[in-house]
Amino acid sequence: MITSTMTNNPSRTPSALNHGYVWLISVVAALGGLLFGWDWVVIGGAKPFFERFFGIQDNAALSGWVNSCALIGCLVGALLAGILSDAFGRRRLLLASAALFAVTSVGNGLAETLGLFIFWRMLGGVAIGLASSLSPMYISEVAPAAMRGRLVSVNQLTIVSGVLLAQLINWWLVRGLPSGATDDYIVHSWFGQQGWRWMFAITAAPSALFLLGMALVPESPRWLITRGAVTKAREILVRIGGDAYADGELRDVRETLSEASDRRLRPTDLLDPRLAKALVLGIVLAVFQQWCGINVIFNYAEEIFRAAGYDISSVLKNIAWTGSVNLVFTFVALGFVDRSGRRPLMLIGAFGLAAIYLVLGLLYHRHVTGMPVLCLVLAAIGCYAMSLAPVTWVVISEIFPNRIRGAAMSLAVSSLWIGCFLLTYTFPILNKSLGASGTFWLYGAICVLGGVFIAARLPETKGKTLEQIEKEISS
């Protein structure tokens, strides 16, 4: 058993840290999460309007493609993060993602053809892919061990804050839509012609804030050490926790960088059997976070709530409720991830969702509509928000070795986006062939399998330095 250096060195305890500075740079980096969440779900509120504008509301396959095409960009962005972040650093690519968020949000708002709309959604997906991979990785590399779970979870908090802001703005923009409005009315009204455009274009405002913030924060000190910029890295570490803290962190990182690590990373390095355990764990957890099924509620809220008997106006209010519950329960994760640990929360999420989906499927099967369905959907979102949503990002940001963290995390996040694409694209098809009940029962079965995997393979990582985790997993 490896003993934590932090527990033996008072300079590396929470009381010796510059908490304000650590929180500041972490929150700035987490703005990437806010844009991730905002840009990700804005399409859910705009969907009833742009689909009617482009005339694709009755084409399930094309609807699935338009709603999932951004995921191709997400995959490209995640792969670029792995290819480029180990060479150019985390900060520069986060700046690039901020600029992409701003440009593509305006592009979607101005799109006059379906082809252009899809192009800008896919390019916006590149920004999401970059931010989803780099924001939690950057935070994990600047965060002291005792605070890492909370700080990486802040990224999830900003994701759900972005989700809620987008949902509230979507609802506010179309709050005057008459109840029971027909397709013809929607297409020829301000809501169908201009309202949905503002839903996308407003995203440029927080994008500019993210760009400004990232221009002011430092590069990841752990990345600087791997590139030989030890003096600069030490300056940042000193500001985080003082001289003794900086010396301890430098020593730990150097111990994990063997002589072989001095050469450039090669793709074959990821096939090293010593890394297989961490890589398989990261990929499976990333895919499971998507295949547990929650994201279809955000992306296909209209179908889910209309199947439960709600009209479009009520659907948009219910979407805002889902975002509110998502935000509230993320605070639960912030309070427990460094106290109770990663493993218990992940198990609660997997088996809790399985139970909720079982009951939700029964309600759809028996044609129960209205408030019971809404309550179970909110319960599922709450369960996910306090467990699988934030903790998966925490785990995959901390289990990979320093030298290959960028490339390995890129593989995990790329797997996440592939899983998300398959989930989003297949939901309309599954919903049509299996019905809502069968679809949610299928997701419930996947949750059971995910819970079994977590129980068998996920070690507890709370309170350990990244270097400790690296030694324990690779041993």
Protein backbone atom coordinates (compact mmCIF):
# COMPACT_ATOMS: atom_id res chain seq x y z
CA MET A 1 0.00 0.00 0.00
CA ILE A 2 1.33 3.42 -0.96
CA THR A 3 1.04 6.05 1.74
CA SER A 4 -0.15 9.49 0.70
CA THR A 5 2.61 12.05 0.85
CA MET A 6 0.03 14.68 1.62
CA THR A 7 -0.92 13.12 4.92
CA ASN A 8 2.69 13.28 6.11
CA ASN A 9 3.48 16.81 4.95
CA PRO A 10 1.56 19.69 6.59
CA SER A 11 2.40 21.95 3.65
CA ARG A 12 0.20 19.78 1.43
CA THR A 13 -2.89 19.79 3.62
CA PRO A 14 -5.92 21.90 2.64
CA SER A 15 -5.09 24.61 5.23
CA ALA A 16 -1.77 25.35 3.49
CA LEU A 17 -3.33 25.91 0.07
CA ASN A 18 -4.29 29.12 -1.71
CA HIS A 19 -7.93 28.12 -2.00
CA GLY A 20 -9.07 31.32 -3.68
CA TYR A 21 -6.57 31.00 -6.52
CA VAL A 22 -7.25 27.29 -7.04
CA TRP A 23 -10.99 27.87 -7.18
CA LEU A 24 -10.58 30.85 -9.52
CA ILE A 25 -8.58 29.05 -12.20
CA SER A 26 -10.74 25.94 -11.87
CA VAL A 27 -13.97 27.89 -12.31
CA VAL A 28 -12.55 29.69 -15.37
CA ALA A 29 -11.60 26.37 -16.94
CA ALA A 30 -15.01 24.99 -16.01
CA LEU A 31 -16.65 27.65 -18.19
CA GLY A 32 -15.84 25.18 -20.96
CA GLY A 33 -18.31 22.89 -19.20
CA LEU A 34 -20.92 25.66 -19.13
CA LEU A 35 -20.60 26.11 -22.91
CA PHE A 36 -20.63 22.31 -23.33
CA GLY A 37 -23.95 22.02 -21.48
CA TRP A 38 -25.47 25.13 -23.04
CA ASP A 39 -24.63 24.25 -26.63
CA TRP A 40 -25.49 20.59 -26.06
CA VAL A 41 -29.12 21.04 -24.95
CA VAL A 42 -30.10 24.24 -26.74
CA ILE A 43 -31.19 22.07 -29.65
CA GLY A 44 -33.78 20.34 -27.45
CA GLY A 45 -35.79 23.55 -26.99
CA ALA A 46 -35.25 24.71 -30.57
CA LYS A 47 -36.19 21.34 -32.07
CA PRO A 48 -40.00 21.86 -32.31
CA PHE A 49 -39.35 25.05 -34.30
CA PHE A 50 -36.35 24.47 -36.58
CA GLU A 51 -37.69 21.02 -37.59
CA ARG A 52 -40.90 22.65 -38.77
CA PHE A 53 -38.94 25.48 -40.41
CA PHE A 54 -36.87 22.95 -42.39
CA GLY A 55 -39.84 20.57 -42.86
CA ILE A 56 -38.28 17.47 -41.26
CA GLN A 57 -40.62 16.93 -38.29
CA ASP A 58 -42.13 13.76 -39.81
CA ASN A 59 -38.85 12.15 -40.89
CA ALA A 60 -37.54 10.11 -37.93
CA ALA A 61 -34.24 9.18 -39.58
CA LEU A 62 -33.43 12.75 -40.67
CA SER A 63 -34.55 14.10 -37.30
CA GLY A 64 -32.20 11.66 -35.60
CA TRP A 65 -29.33 12.75 -37.86
CA VAL A 66 -29.88 16.49 -37.31
CA ASN A 67 -30.09 16.00 -33.55
CA SER A 68 -27.02 13.76 -33.42
CA CYS A 69 -24.76 15.25 -36.12
CA ALA A 70 -23.00 17.48 -33.57
CA LEU A 71 -21.68 14.29 -32.00
CA ILE A 72 -19.50 13.68 -35.05
CA GLY A 73 -17.89 17.03 -34.30
CA CYS A 74 -17.64 16.09 -30.62
CA LEU A 75 -15.71 12.98 -31.59
CA VAL A 76 -13.37 14.98 -33.84
CA GLY A 77 -12.84 17.55 -31.08
CA ALA A 78 -12.05 14.87 -28.50
CA LEU A 79 -9.55 13.22 -30.87
CA LEU A 80 -7.92 16.58 -31.60
CA ALA A 81 -7.65 17.19 -27.87
CA GLY A 82 -5.63 13.98 -27.53
CA ILE A 83 -3.46 14.61 -30.57
CA LEU A 84 -2.71 18.26 -29.81
CA SER A 85 -3.00 18.80 -26.05
CA ASP A 86 0.12 16.79 -25.17
CA ALA A 87 2.05 18.79 -27.79
CA PHE A 88 0.63 22.31 -27.37
CA GLY A 89 -0.83 22.27 -23.88
CA ARG A 90 -4.32 22.41 -22.39
CA ARG A 91 -4.77 26.20 -22.30
CA ARG A 92 -4.27 26.96 -26.02
CA LEU A 93 -6.83 24.37 -27.09
CA LEU A 94 -9.35 25.63 -24.53
CA LEU A 95 -8.90 29.10 -26.06
CA ALA A 96 -9.57 27.57 -29.48
CA SER A 97 -12.74 25.87 -28.21
CA ALA A 98 -14.02 29.19 -26.80
CA ALA A 99 -13.56 30.87 -30.18
CA LEU A 100 -15.33 27.98 -31.94
CA PHE A 101 -18.30 28.17 -29.55
CA ALA A 102 -18.75 31.85 -30.39
CA VAL A 103 -18.49 31.48 -34.18
CA THR A 104 -20.67 28.38 -34.54
CA SER A 105 -23.47 29.66 -32.31
CA VAL A 106 -23.87 32.68 -34.58
CA GLY A 107 -23.58 30.42 -37.63
CA ASN A 108 -26.46 28.23 -36.46
CA GLY A 109 -28.56 31.30 -35.72
CA LEU A 110 -28.08 32.62 -39.25
CA ALA A 111 -28.43 29.31 -41.15
CA GLU A 112 -31.01 29.50 -43.95
CA THR A 113 -30.63 25.93 -45.23
CA LEU A 114 -30.61 22.57 -43.49
CA GLY A 115 -27.16 21.82 -44.93
CA LEU A 116 -25.66 24.96 -43.38
CA PHE A 117 -27.43 24.26 -40.09
CA ILE A 118 -25.90 20.77 -39.96
CA PHE A 119 -22.45 22.14 -40.87
CA TRP A 120 -22.45 24.65 -38.03
CA ARG A 121 -23.82 22.06 -35.57
CA MET A 122 -21.00 19.66 -36.46
CA LEU A 123 -18.36 22.40 -36.14
CA GLY A 124 -19.90 23.41 -32.82
CA GLY A 125 -19.54 19.79 -31.81
CA VAL A 126 -15.77 20.14 -32.28
CA ALA A 127 -15.82 22.89 -29.64
CA ILE A 128 -17.84 20.64 -27.31
CA GLY A 129 -15.40 17.76 -27.88
CA LEU A 130 -12.40 19.94 -27.04
CA ALA A 131 -13.97 21.44 -23.93
CA SER A 132 -15.42 18.14 -22.65
CA SER A 133 -11.97 16.54 -22.73
CA LEU A 134 -9.75 19.44 -21.70
CA SER A 135 -11.70 21.30 -19.01
CA PRO A 136 -11.84 18.39 -16.50
CA MET A 137 -8.28 17.35 -17.40
CA TYR A 138 -6.93 20.85 -16.81
CA ILE A 139 -8.74 21.09 -13.47
CA SER A 140 -7.50 17.68 -12.32
CA GLU A 141 -3.91 18.71 -13.10
CA VAL A 142 -4.04 21.97 -11.11
CA ALA A 143 -6.18 20.68 -8.23
CA PRO A 144 -4.62 19.46 -4.94
CA ALA A 145 -5.59 15.87 -4.09
CA ALA A 146 -7.89 16.74 -1.19
CA MET A 147 -9.95 19.08 -3.37
CA ARG A 148 -9.78 17.36 -6.75
CA GLY A 149 -13.13 15.61 -6.63
CA ARG A 150 -15.00 18.80 -5.79
CA LEU A 151 -13.08 20.92 -8.27
CA VAL A 152 -13.55 18.52 -11.19
CA SER A 153 -17.21 18.22 -10.17
CA VAL A 154 -17.44 22.00 -10.54
CA ASN A 155 -17.03 21.32 -14.25
CA GLN A 156 -20.18 19.19 -14.09
CA LEU A 157 -21.87 21.96 -12.07
CA THR A 158 -21.13 24.43 -14.86
CA ILE A 159 -22.35 21.88 -17.43
CA VAL A 160 -25.74 21.62 -15.73
CA SER A 161 -25.78 25.40 -15.16
CA GLY A 162 -25.32 25.80 -18.90
CA VAL A 163 -28.09 23.26 -19.47
CA LEU A 164 -30.46 25.17 -17.18
CA LEU A 165 -29.59 28.59 -18.63
CA ALA A 166 -30.20 27.34 -22.15
CA GLN A 167 -33.51 25.76 -21.12
CA LEU A 168 -34.69 28.90 -19.32
CA ILE A 169 -33.73 31.13 -22.25
CA ASN A 170 -35.45 28.74 -24.67
CA TRP A 171 -38.61 28.87 -22.56
CA TRP A 172 -38.43 32.66 -22.18
CA LEU A 173 -38.07 33.18 -25.94
CA VAL A 174 -41.19 31.16 -26.75
CA ARG A 175 -43.24 31.85 -23.63
CA GLY A 176 -45.91 33.59 -25.74
CA LEU A 177 -46.57 30.55 -27.94
CA PRO A 178 -50.32 29.80 -27.81
CA SER A 179 -51.29 26.47 -26.28
CA GLY A 180 -52.19 23.95 -28.97
CA ALA A 181 -50.49 25.93 -31.75
CA THR A 182 -50.62 24.09 -35.09
CA ASP A 183 -47.60 23.28 -37.24
CA ASP A 184 -48.74 25.84 -39.82
CA TYR A 185 -48.99 28.56 -37.18
CA ILE A 186 -45.54 27.74 -35.78
CA VAL A 187 -43.84 27.75 -39.19
CA HIS A 188 -45.20 31.19 -40.16
CA SER A 189 -44.90 32.85 -36.73
CA TRP A 190 -41.94 34.68 -35.18
CA PHE A 191 -41.31 31.55 -33.09
CA GLY A 192 -40.79 29.36 -36.15
CA GLN A 193 -38.91 31.97 -38.20
CA GLN A 194 -36.70 33.85 -35.70
CA GLY A 195 -37.22 32.64 -32.13
CA TRP A 196 -35.24 29.42 -32.48
CA ARG A 197 -32.36 31.35 -34.10
CA TRP A 198 -31.88 33.45 -30.98
CA MET A 199 -31.69 30.26 -28.91
CA PHE A 200 -28.44 29.42 -30.72
CA ALA A 201 -27.02 32.94 -31.25
CA ILE A 202 -27.18 33.97 -27.57
CA THR A 203 -24.54 31.31 -26.83
CA ALA A 204 -21.95 33.73 -28.22
CA ALA A 205 -22.14 35.83 -25.02
CA PRO A 206 -20.84 33.20 -22.53
CA SER A 207 -18.39 32.05 -25.22
CA ALA A 208 -16.75 35.50 -25.17
CA LEU A 209 -16.52 35.33 -21.36
CA PHE A 210 -14.81 31.93 -21.55
CA LEU A 211 -12.35 33.23 -24.15
CA LEU A 212 -11.41 36.19 -21.95
CA GLY A 213 -11.05 34.05 -18.83
CA MET A 214 -8.80 31.45 -20.47
CA ALA A 215 -6.53 34.22 -21.73
CA LEU A 216 -5.77 35.08 -18.09
CA VAL A 217 -5.19 31.66 -16.44
CA PRO A 218 -1.86 29.74 -16.43
CA GLU A 219 -0.99 26.55 -18.29
CA SER A 220 -1.30 23.21 -16.47
CA PRO A 221 1.84 22.81 -14.29
CA ARG A 222 1.88 19.04 -14.82
CA TRP A 223 1.93 19.49 -18.59
CA LEU A 224 4.73 22.04 -18.24
CA ILE A 225 6.79 19.54 -16.26
CA THR A 226 6.38 16.88 -18.96
CA ARG A 227 7.68 19.44 -21.48
CA GLY A 228 10.71 20.34 -19.34
CA ALA A 229 9.44 23.79 -18.26
CA VAL A 230 10.06 23.01 -14.57
CA THR A 231 10.78 26.59 -13.46
CA LYS A 232 7.52 27.90 -14.88
CA ALA A 233 5.59 24.94 -13.46
CA ARG A 234 7.10 25.55 -10.02
CA GLU A 235 5.99 29.20 -10.09
CA ILE A 236 2.40 28.11 -10.64
CA LEU A 237 2.59 25.40 -7.96
CA VAL A 238 4.07 27.88 -5.48
CA ARG A 239 1.12 30.18 -6.07
CA ILE A 240 -1.25 27.26 -5.49
CA GLY A 241 0.27 25.99 -2.23
CA GLY A 242 3.65 27.54 -1.38
CA ASP A 243 7.25 26.37 -1.71
CA ALA A 244 6.97 23.08 0.18
CA TYR A 245 3.82 22.12 -1.72
CA ALA A 246 5.51 22.91 -5.04
CA ASP A 247 8.59 20.84 -4.16
CA GLY A 248 6.44 17.87 -3.16
CA GLU A 249 4.36 17.99 -6.34
CA LEU A 250 7.46 18.31 -8.52
CA ARG A 251 9.03 15.31 -6.80
CA ASP A 252 5.90 13.18 -7.24
CA VAL A 253 5.53 14.01 -10.92
CA ARG A 254 9.20 13.34 -11.64
CA GLU A 255 8.96 9.93 -9.95
CA THR A 256 6.25 8.89 -12.42
CA LEU A 257 8.18 10.14 -15.44
CA SER A 258 10.64 7.35 -16.14
CA GLU A 259 13.59 7.62 -18.50
CA ALA A 260 11.41 6.15 -21.24
CA SER A 261 8.99 9.00 -20.69
CA ASP A 262 11.49 11.52 -21.97
CA ARG A 263 10.82 10.51 -25.57
CA ARG A 264 7.69 11.60 -27.41
CA LEU A 265 4.52 9.63 -26.90
CA ARG A 266 3.89 7.00 -29.57
CA PRO A 267 0.46 5.47 -30.32
CA THR A 268 1.82 2.04 -29.36
CA ASP A 269 2.48 3.31 -25.83
CA LEU A 270 -1.27 3.16 -25.22
CA LEU A 271 -1.11 -0.62 -25.80
CA ASP A 272 1.27 -1.12 -22.87
CA PRO A 273 -0.30 -3.87 -20.67
CA ARG A 274 0.40 -1.73 -17.60
CA LEU A 275 -2.01 0.88 -18.97
CA ALA A 276 -4.69 -1.56 -20.11
CA LYS A 277 -6.55 -1.60 -16.78
CA ALA A 278 -6.87 2.19 -16.64
CA LEU A 279 -7.71 2.51 -20.33
CA VAL A 280 -10.44 -0.15 -20.28
CA LEU A 281 -11.88 1.32 -17.07
CA GLY A 282 -11.95 4.83 -18.52
CA ILE A 283 -13.52 3.79 -21.81
CA VAL A 284 -16.22 1.59 -20.26
CA LEU A 285 -17.20 4.23 -17.70
CA ALA A 286 -17.32 6.94 -20.38
CA VAL A 287 -19.56 4.85 -22.66
CA PHE A 288 -21.76 3.78 -19.75
CA GLN A 289 -22.33 7.40 -18.72
CA GLN A 290 -24.06 7.80 -22.11
CA TRP A 291 -25.72 4.43 -22.52
CA CYS A 292 -27.44 4.78 -19.18
CA GLY A 293 -29.94 6.74 -21.28
CA ILE A 294 -30.34 10.11 -19.55
CA ASN A 295 -29.20 12.23 -22.47
CA VAL A 296 -32.18 11.18 -24.58
CA ILE A 297 -34.37 13.00 -22.05
CA PHE A 298 -32.51 16.22 -22.79
CA ASN A 299 -32.29 15.75 -26.56
CA TYR A 300 -35.74 14.23 -27.12
CA ALA A 301 -37.71 15.92 -24.35
CA GLU A 302 -40.47 16.83 -26.79
CA GLU A 303 -41.19 13.21 -27.75
CA ILE A 304 -40.89 11.91 -24.18
CA PHE A 305 -43.19 14.50 -22.62
CA ARG A 306 -45.66 14.58 -25.50
CA ALA A 307 -45.95 10.80 -25.18
CA ALA A 308 -46.86 11.50 -21.55
CA GLY A 309 -49.70 13.81 -22.65
CA TYR A 310 -48.10 17.29 -22.60
CA ASP A 311 -48.44 19.95 -25.34
CA ILE A 312 -45.46 21.97 -26.67
CA SER A 313 -45.94 24.87 -24.22
CA SER A 314 -46.01 22.50 -21.23
CA VAL A 315 -43.05 20.55 -22.64
CA LEU A 316 -40.84 23.64 -22.53
CA LYS A 317 -41.80 24.28 -18.89
CA ASN A 318 -41.03 20.64 -18.05
CA ILE A 319 -37.65 20.94 -19.76
CA ALA A 320 -36.83 23.86 -17.46
CA TRP A 321 -37.81 21.66 -14.49
CA THR A 322 -35.40 18.96 -15.64
CA GLY A 323 -32.58 21.51 -15.75
CA SER A 324 -33.41 22.80 -12.25
CA VAL A 325 -33.37 19.30 -10.75
CA ASN A 326 -30.13 18.57 -12.61
CA LEU A 327 -28.49 21.62 -11.02
CA VAL A 328 -29.74 21.00 -7.47
CA PHE A 329 -28.60 17.38 -7.35
CA THR A 330 -25.18 18.23 -8.76
CA PHE A 331 -24.59 20.10 -5.49
CA VAL A 332 -25.19 16.78 -3.71
CA ALA A 333 -22.31 15.30 -5.68
CA LEU A 334 -20.09 18.27 -4.78
CA GLY A 335 -20.75 17.61 -1.11
CA PHE A 336 -20.08 13.87 -1.18
CA VAL A 337 -17.53 13.08 -3.91
CA ASP A 338 -14.51 13.87 -1.68
CA ARG A 339 -16.23 12.61 1.47
CA SER A 340 -18.01 9.39 0.52
CA GLY A 341 -15.84 8.68 -2.50
CA ARG A 342 -16.32 7.96 -6.19
CA ARG A 343 -17.27 4.29 -6.02
CA PRO A 344 -20.40 4.50 -3.77
CA LEU A 345 -21.87 7.35 -5.82
CA MET A 346 -21.33 5.47 -9.08
CA LEU A 347 -23.07 2.37 -7.70
CA ILE A 348 -26.01 4.45 -6.47
CA GLY A 349 -26.33 5.98 -9.92
CA ALA A 350 -26.23 2.71 -11.85
CA PHE A 351 -28.68 0.69 -9.75
CA GLY A 352 -30.85 3.70 -8.90
CA LEU A 353 -31.45 4.47 -12.58
CA ALA A 354 -32.20 0.81 -13.30
CA ALA A 355 -34.98 0.85 -10.69
CA ILE A 356 -36.43 4.15 -11.94
CA TYR A 357 -36.45 2.99 -15.57
CA LEU A 358 -38.26 -0.19 -14.58
CA VAL A 359 -41.13 1.81 -13.06
CA LEU A 360 -41.08 4.45 -15.83
CA GLY A 361 -41.39 1.71 -18.45
CA LEU A 362 -44.37 0.27 -16.58
CA LEU A 363 -46.11 3.65 -16.59
CA TYR A 364 -45.66 4.02 -20.35
CA HIS A 365 -46.74 0.41 -20.86
CA ARG A 366 -49.98 1.06 -18.95
CA HIS A 367 -50.51 4.41 -20.73
CA VAL A 368 -50.21 6.44 -17.54
CA THR A 369 -49.63 10.11 -18.44
CA GLY A 370 -49.04 13.45 -16.77
CA MET A 371 -47.48 14.10 -13.37
CA PRO A 372 -46.37 10.52 -12.47
CA VAL A 373 -44.19 10.36 -15.62
CA LEU A 374 -42.79 13.84 -15.00
CA CYS A 375 -41.89 12.94 -11.40
CA LEU A 376 -40.06 9.76 -12.46
CA VAL A 377 -38.17 11.60 -15.20
CA LEU A 378 -37.08 14.20 -12.64
CA ALA A 379 -36.08 11.41 -10.22
CA ALA A 380 -33.92 9.82 -12.94
CA ILE A 381 -32.24 13.14 -13.67
CA GLY A 382 -31.62 13.76 -9.97
CA CYS A 383 -30.09 10.31 -9.54
CA TYR A 384 -27.84 10.82 -12.57
CA ALA A 385 -26.84 14.36 -11.54
CA MET A 386 -25.53 13.25 -8.14
CA SER A 387 -23.65 10.22 -9.42
CA LEU A 388 -22.77 9.16 -12.97
CA ALA A 389 -22.79 12.64 -14.49
CA PRO A 390 -20.07 14.31 -12.36
CA VAL A 391 -18.21 11.32 -10.96
CA THR A 392 -17.45 9.77 -14.35
CA TRP A 393 -15.63 12.95 -15.35
CA VAL A 394 -13.74 12.93 -12.05
CA VAL A 395 -12.60 9.33 -12.48
CA ILE A 396 -11.52 9.54 -16.12
CA SER A 397 -9.61 12.75 -15.42
CA GLU A 398 -7.53 11.16 -12.65
CA ILE A 399 -6.82 7.51 -13.53
CA PHE A 400 -4.38 8.00 -16.43
CA PRO A 401 -0.58 8.48 -16.08
CA ASN A 402 0.86 11.98 -16.42
CA ARG A 403 2.80 11.34 -19.62
CA ILE A 404 -0.14 9.97 -21.62
CA ARG A 405 -3.05 11.68 -19.87
CA GLY A 406 -3.96 13.82 -22.88
CA ALA A 407 -4.01 10.92 -25.34
CA ALA A 408 -5.64 8.44 -22.96
CA MET A 409 -8.35 10.86 -21.88
CA SER A 410 -8.95 11.65 -25.53
CA LEU A 411 -9.64 7.96 -26.18
CA ALA A 412 -12.03 7.77 -23.24
CA VAL A 413 -13.88 10.95 -24.21
CA SER A 414 -13.95 9.91 -27.88
CA SER A 415 -15.57 6.64 -26.75
CA LEU A 416 -18.06 8.69 -24.74
CA TRP A 417 -19.05 10.69 -27.82
CA ILE A 418 -19.31 7.58 -29.99
CA GLY A 419 -21.59 6.09 -27.34
CA CYS A 420 -23.58 9.32 -27.20
CA PHE A 421 -23.96 9.40 -30.99
CA LEU A 422 -25.29 5.82 -31.03
CA LEU A 423 -27.64 6.61 -28.15
CA THR A 424 -28.99 9.82 -29.72
CA TYR A 425 -29.27 8.47 -33.24
CA THR A 426 -30.98 5.21 -32.27
CA PHE A 427 -33.52 6.62 -29.79
CA PRO A 428 -36.15 7.61 -32.43
CA ILE A 429 -35.74 4.20 -34.04
CA LEU A 430 -35.93 2.31 -30.72
CA ASN A 431 -38.83 4.45 -29.56
CA LYS A 432 -40.74 3.63 -32.76
CA SER A 433 -40.00 -0.12 -32.71
CA LEU A 434 -40.00 -0.88 -28.95
CA GLY A 435 -42.18 1.95 -27.72
CA ALA A 436 -41.27 4.21 -24.79
CA SER A 437 -41.69 1.37 -22.29
CA GLY A 438 -39.41 -1.09 -24.09
CA THR A 439 -36.79 1.60 -24.71
CA PHE A 440 -36.53 2.55 -21.04
CA TRP A 441 -36.45 -1.12 -19.99
CA LEU A 442 -33.52 -1.59 -22.36
CA TYR A 443 -31.69 1.34 -20.76
CA GLY A 444 -32.48 -0.16 -17.34
CA ALA A 445 -30.82 -3.45 -18.31
CA ILE A 446 -27.72 -1.54 -19.45
CA CYS A 447 -27.64 0.23 -16.07
CA VAL A 448 -27.63 -3.11 -14.25
CA LEU A 449 -24.67 -4.31 -16.35
CA GLY A 450 -22.87 -1.03 -15.71
CA GLY A 451 -23.40 -1.37 -11.98
CA VAL A 452 -21.95 -4.87 -11.99
CA PHE A 453 -18.86 -3.62 -13.86
CA ILE A 454 -18.38 -0.75 -11.40
CA ALA A 455 -18.65 -3.09 -8.42
CA ALA A 456 -16.04 -5.41 -9.91
CA ARG A 457 -13.52 -3.00 -11.46
CA LEU A 458 -13.66 0.54 -10.06
CA PRO A 459 -11.12 1.27 -7.26
CA GLU A 460 -11.61 4.14 -4.82
CA THR A 461 -9.46 7.18 -5.69
CA LYS A 462 -10.61 9.85 -3.25
CA GLY A 463 -7.88 11.75 -1.38
CA LYS A 464 -5.01 10.33 -3.47
CA THR A 465 -2.61 12.31 -5.63
CA LEU A 466 -2.63 11.66 -9.36
CA GLU A 467 0.79 10.06 -8.99
CA GLN A 468 -0.45 7.68 -6.27
CA ILE A 469 -3.38 6.62 -8.42
CA GLU A 470 -1.02 6.05 -11.35
CA LYS A 471 1.23 3.77 -9.29
CA GLU A 472 -1.65 1.78 -7.80
CA ILE A 473 -3.55 1.19 -11.05
CA SER A 474 -0.47 0.31 -13.10
CA SER A 475 1.03 -2.02 -10.47
